[in-house]
Amino acid sequence: LLSSRFHTTQRFWAIDDVHPARGGSGFDRAASIVHREPVEIMCHPSFAEDLPLLLDRPWLDFVRSTPSGSYEAL
């Protein structure tokens, strides 16, 4: 319903779905998709359990290796 009315990403994941430290599928799979279509990865830096994930080296390397943009670019 949302995508029928608005431009949005093709996929939406919680950080738990991607980050291996949380049992996610891993960055390699996500990176291969990110290079083909727009995705959104939801996280909450204000949550004590999410902030350390966003500051660790594997996540930072993943973010640096993938394209990024804004909703305006969709």
N, C-alpha and C. Protein backbone atom coordinates (compact mmCIF):
# COMPACT_ATOMS: atom_id res chain seq x y z
N LEU A 1 0.82 -1.19 0.00
CA LEU A 1 0.00 0.00 0.00
C LEU A 1 0.87 1.26 0.00
N LEU A 2 1.88 1.26 0.83
CA LEU A 2 2.74 2.44 0.93
C LEU A 2 3.42 2.74 -0.41
N SER A 3 3.98 1.70 -1.05
CA SER A 3 4.70 1.94 -2.30
C SER A 3 3.77 2.32 -3.45
N SER A 4 2.48 2.05 -3.33
CA SER A 4 1.56 2.46 -4.39
C SER A 4 1.27 3.96 -4.32
N ARG A 5 1.53 4.56 -3.18
CA ARG A 5 1.26 5.99 -3.03
C ARG A 5 2.51 6.86 -2.94
N PHE A 6 3.65 6.24 -2.59
CA PHE A 6 4.87 7.01 -2.36
C PHE A 6 6.07 6.29 -2.99
N HIS A 7 7.08 7.07 -3.35
CA HIS A 7 8.36 6.47 -3.74
C HIS A 7 9.02 5.97 -2.47
N THR A 8 9.50 4.76 -2.51
CA THR A 8 10.11 4.17 -1.32
C THR A 8 11.21 3.21 -1.76
N THR A 9 11.94 2.69 -0.79
CA THR A 9 12.99 1.73 -1.09
C THR A 9 12.37 0.41 -1.53
N GLN A 10 13.17 -0.42 -2.20
CA GLN A 10 12.70 -1.72 -2.66
C GLN A 10 12.66 -2.74 -1.53
N ARG A 11 13.54 -2.56 -0.54
CA ARG A 11 13.61 -3.48 0.59
C ARG A 11 13.78 -2.68 1.88
N PHE A 12 13.33 -3.27 2.96
CA PHE A 12 13.43 -2.65 4.28
C PHE A 12 13.86 -3.73 5.26
N TRP A 13 14.97 -3.51 5.91
CA TRP A 13 15.49 -4.47 6.89
C TRP A 13 15.71 -3.78 8.23
N ALA A 14 15.51 -4.50 9.29
CA ALA A 14 16.00 -4.06 10.60
C ALA A 14 17.48 -4.42 10.66
N ILE A 15 18.23 -3.70 11.43
CA ILE A 15 19.67 -3.99 11.52
C ILE A 15 19.90 -5.43 11.99
N ASP A 16 19.00 -5.98 12.78
CA ASP A 16 19.11 -7.37 13.22
C ASP A 16 19.07 -8.35 12.06
N ASP A 17 18.40 -7.99 10.98
CA ASP A 17 18.30 -8.87 9.81
C ASP A 17 19.61 -8.94 9.03
N VAL A 18 20.47 -7.94 9.21
CA VAL A 18 21.69 -7.84 8.42
C VAL A 18 22.95 -8.08 9.25
N HIS A 19 23.01 -7.53 10.43
CA HIS A 19 24.26 -7.55 11.21
C HIS A 19 24.52 -8.95 11.78
N PRO A 20 25.67 -9.54 11.46
CA PRO A 20 25.98 -10.89 11.95
C PRO A 20 26.01 -11.01 13.48
N ALA A 21 26.36 -9.94 14.17
CA ALA A 21 26.40 -9.98 15.64
C ALA A 21 25.01 -10.18 16.23
N ARG A 22 23.98 -9.93 15.45
CA ARG A 22 22.60 -10.11 15.90
C ARG A 22 21.93 -11.30 15.20
N GLY A 23 22.75 -12.14 14.56
CA GLY A 23 22.19 -13.31 13.88
C GLY A 23 21.68 -13.01 12.48
N GLY A 24 22.03 -11.84 11.96
CA GLY A 24 21.59 -11.45 10.62
C GLY A 24 22.29 -12.22 9.52
N SER A 25 21.83 -12.04 8.30
CA SER A 25 22.32 -12.79 7.15
C SER A 25 23.74 -12.41 6.75
N GLY A 26 24.23 -11.30 7.20
CA GLY A 26 25.61 -10.90 6.90
C GLY A 26 25.67 -9.77 5.90
N PHE A 27 26.79 -9.11 5.90
CA PHE A 27 26.97 -7.93 5.06
C PHE A 27 27.17 -8.29 3.60
N ASP A 28 27.75 -9.43 3.29
CA ASP A 28 27.99 -9.78 1.89
C ASP A 28 26.69 -9.88 1.11
N ARG A 29 25.72 -10.57 1.65
CA ARG A 29 24.42 -10.70 0.98
C ARG A 29 23.76 -9.34 0.82
N ALA A 30 23.76 -8.56 1.89
CA ALA A 30 23.13 -7.24 1.84
C ALA A 30 23.84 -6.34 0.84
N ALA A 31 25.16 -6.37 0.81
CA ALA A 31 25.92 -5.51 -0.11
C ALA A 31 25.61 -5.84 -1.56
N SER A 32 25.42 -7.12 -1.87
CA SER A 32 25.11 -7.47 -3.25
C SER A 32 23.76 -6.92 -3.67
N ILE A 33 22.83 -6.83 -2.77
CA ILE A 33 21.50 -6.29 -3.08
C ILE A 33 21.53 -4.77 -3.12
N VAL A 34 22.26 -4.16 -2.20
CA VAL A 34 22.34 -2.70 -2.11
C VAL A 34 22.87 -2.10 -3.42
N HIS A 35 23.75 -2.82 -4.09
CA HIS A 35 24.31 -2.30 -5.34
C HIS A 35 23.34 -2.43 -6.51
N ARG A 36 22.25 -3.17 -6.35
CA ARG A 36 21.27 -3.36 -7.43
C ARG A 36 19.99 -2.56 -7.23
N GLU A 37 19.60 -2.33 -6.00
CA GLU A 37 18.33 -1.66 -5.73
C GLU A 37 18.38 -0.91 -4.41
N PRO A 38 17.54 0.11 -4.25
CA PRO A 38 17.57 0.88 -3.00
C PRO A 38 16.97 0.09 -1.84
N VAL A 39 17.67 0.14 -0.72
CA VAL A 39 17.21 -0.53 0.50
C VAL A 39 17.29 0.45 1.67
N GLU A 40 16.55 0.15 2.70
CA GLU A 40 16.62 0.90 3.94
C GLU A 40 16.92 -0.08 5.06
N ILE A 41 17.89 0.27 5.90
CA ILE A 41 18.22 -0.54 7.06
C ILE A 41 17.89 0.29 8.29
N MET A 42 16.93 -0.19 9.06
CA MET A 42 16.44 0.55 10.22
C MET A 42 17.30 0.24 11.46
N CYS A 43 17.66 1.29 12.14
CA CYS A 43 18.35 1.15 13.42
C CYS A 43 17.99 2.35 14.27
N HIS A 44 18.27 2.24 15.54
CA HIS A 44 17.94 3.32 16.48
C HIS A 44 19.18 3.63 17.31
N PRO A 45 19.96 4.62 16.92
CA PRO A 45 21.16 4.96 17.67
C PRO A 45 20.90 5.30 19.12
N SER A 46 19.69 5.71 19.44
CA SER A 46 19.39 6.04 20.83
C SER A 46 19.14 4.79 21.68
N PHE A 47 18.96 3.64 21.04
CA PHE A 47 18.79 2.39 21.79
C PHE A 47 20.17 1.86 22.19
N ALA A 48 20.32 1.54 23.44
CA ALA A 48 21.62 1.09 23.96
C ALA A 48 22.14 -0.14 23.21
N GLU A 49 21.26 -1.01 22.74
CA GLU A 49 21.71 -2.22 22.06
C GLU A 49 22.08 -1.98 20.59
N ASP A 50 21.62 -0.89 19.99
CA ASP A 50 21.94 -0.60 18.59
C ASP A 50 23.21 0.23 18.43
N LEU A 51 23.44 1.16 19.31
CA LEU A 51 24.57 2.07 19.16
C LEU A 51 25.91 1.35 19.01
N PRO A 52 26.24 0.35 19.83
CA PRO A 52 27.53 -0.33 19.63
C PRO A 52 27.67 -0.98 18.25
N LEU A 53 26.57 -1.47 17.69
CA LEU A 53 26.63 -2.06 16.35
C LEU A 53 26.99 -1.02 15.30
N LEU A 54 26.48 0.19 15.48
CA LEU A 54 26.72 1.25 14.51
C LEU A 54 28.11 1.83 14.60
N LEU A 55 28.80 1.55 15.68
CA LEU A 55 30.16 2.07 15.87
C LEU A 55 31.23 1.03 15.66
N ASP A 56 30.85 -0.22 15.39
CA ASP A 56 31.87 -1.25 15.23
C ASP A 56 32.43 -1.27 13.80
N ARG A 57 33.63 -1.76 13.67
CA ARG A 57 34.35 -1.75 12.40
C ARG A 57 33.61 -2.47 11.28
N PRO A 58 33.03 -3.66 11.48
CA PRO A 58 32.33 -4.32 10.37
C PRO A 58 31.19 -3.48 9.79
N TRP A 59 30.42 -2.83 10.64
CA TRP A 59 29.32 -2.00 10.15
C TRP A 59 29.86 -0.79 9.39
N LEU A 60 30.87 -0.12 9.96
CA LEU A 60 31.43 1.06 9.29
C LEU A 60 32.01 0.70 7.94
N ASP A 61 32.68 -0.45 7.84
CA ASP A 61 33.22 -0.90 6.55
C ASP A 61 32.09 -1.17 5.55
N PHE A 62 31.02 -1.80 6.02
CA PHE A 62 29.86 -2.07 5.17
C PHE A 62 29.27 -0.77 4.63
N VAL A 63 29.05 0.20 5.51
CA VAL A 63 28.45 1.46 5.10
C VAL A 63 29.35 2.19 4.10
N ARG A 64 30.63 2.18 4.34
CA ARG A 64 31.56 2.87 3.43
C ARG A 64 31.62 2.21 2.05
N SER A 65 31.33 0.92 1.99
CA SER A 65 31.45 0.19 0.71
C SER A 65 30.17 0.20 -0.12
N THR A 66 29.11 0.78 0.40
CA THR A 66 27.83 0.76 -0.30
C THR A 66 27.38 2.17 -0.66
N PRO A 67 26.59 2.29 -1.72
CA PRO A 67 26.09 3.62 -2.08
C PRO A 67 25.08 4.11 -1.05
N SER A 68 25.01 5.39 -0.88
CA SER A 68 24.02 5.94 0.04
C SER A 68 23.30 7.09 -0.64
N GLY A 69 22.15 7.42 -0.13
CA GLY A 69 21.39 8.51 -0.71
C GLY A 69 20.26 8.91 0.22
N SER A 70 19.45 9.79 -0.25
CA SER A 70 18.33 10.29 0.52
C SER A 70 17.02 9.83 -0.13
N TYR A 71 15.93 10.01 0.56
CA TYR A 71 14.63 9.70 -0.04
C TYR A 71 14.36 10.62 -1.23
N GLU A 72 14.91 11.81 -1.19
CA GLU A 72 14.74 12.72 -2.32
C GLU A 72 15.32 12.13 -3.60
N ALA A 73 16.37 11.34 -3.47
CA ALA A 73 17.01 10.73 -4.64
C ALA A 73 16.20 9.57 -5.23
N LEU A 74 15.23 9.04 -4.48
CA LEU A 74 14.42 7.95 -4.99
C LEU A 74 13.56 8.44 -6.14
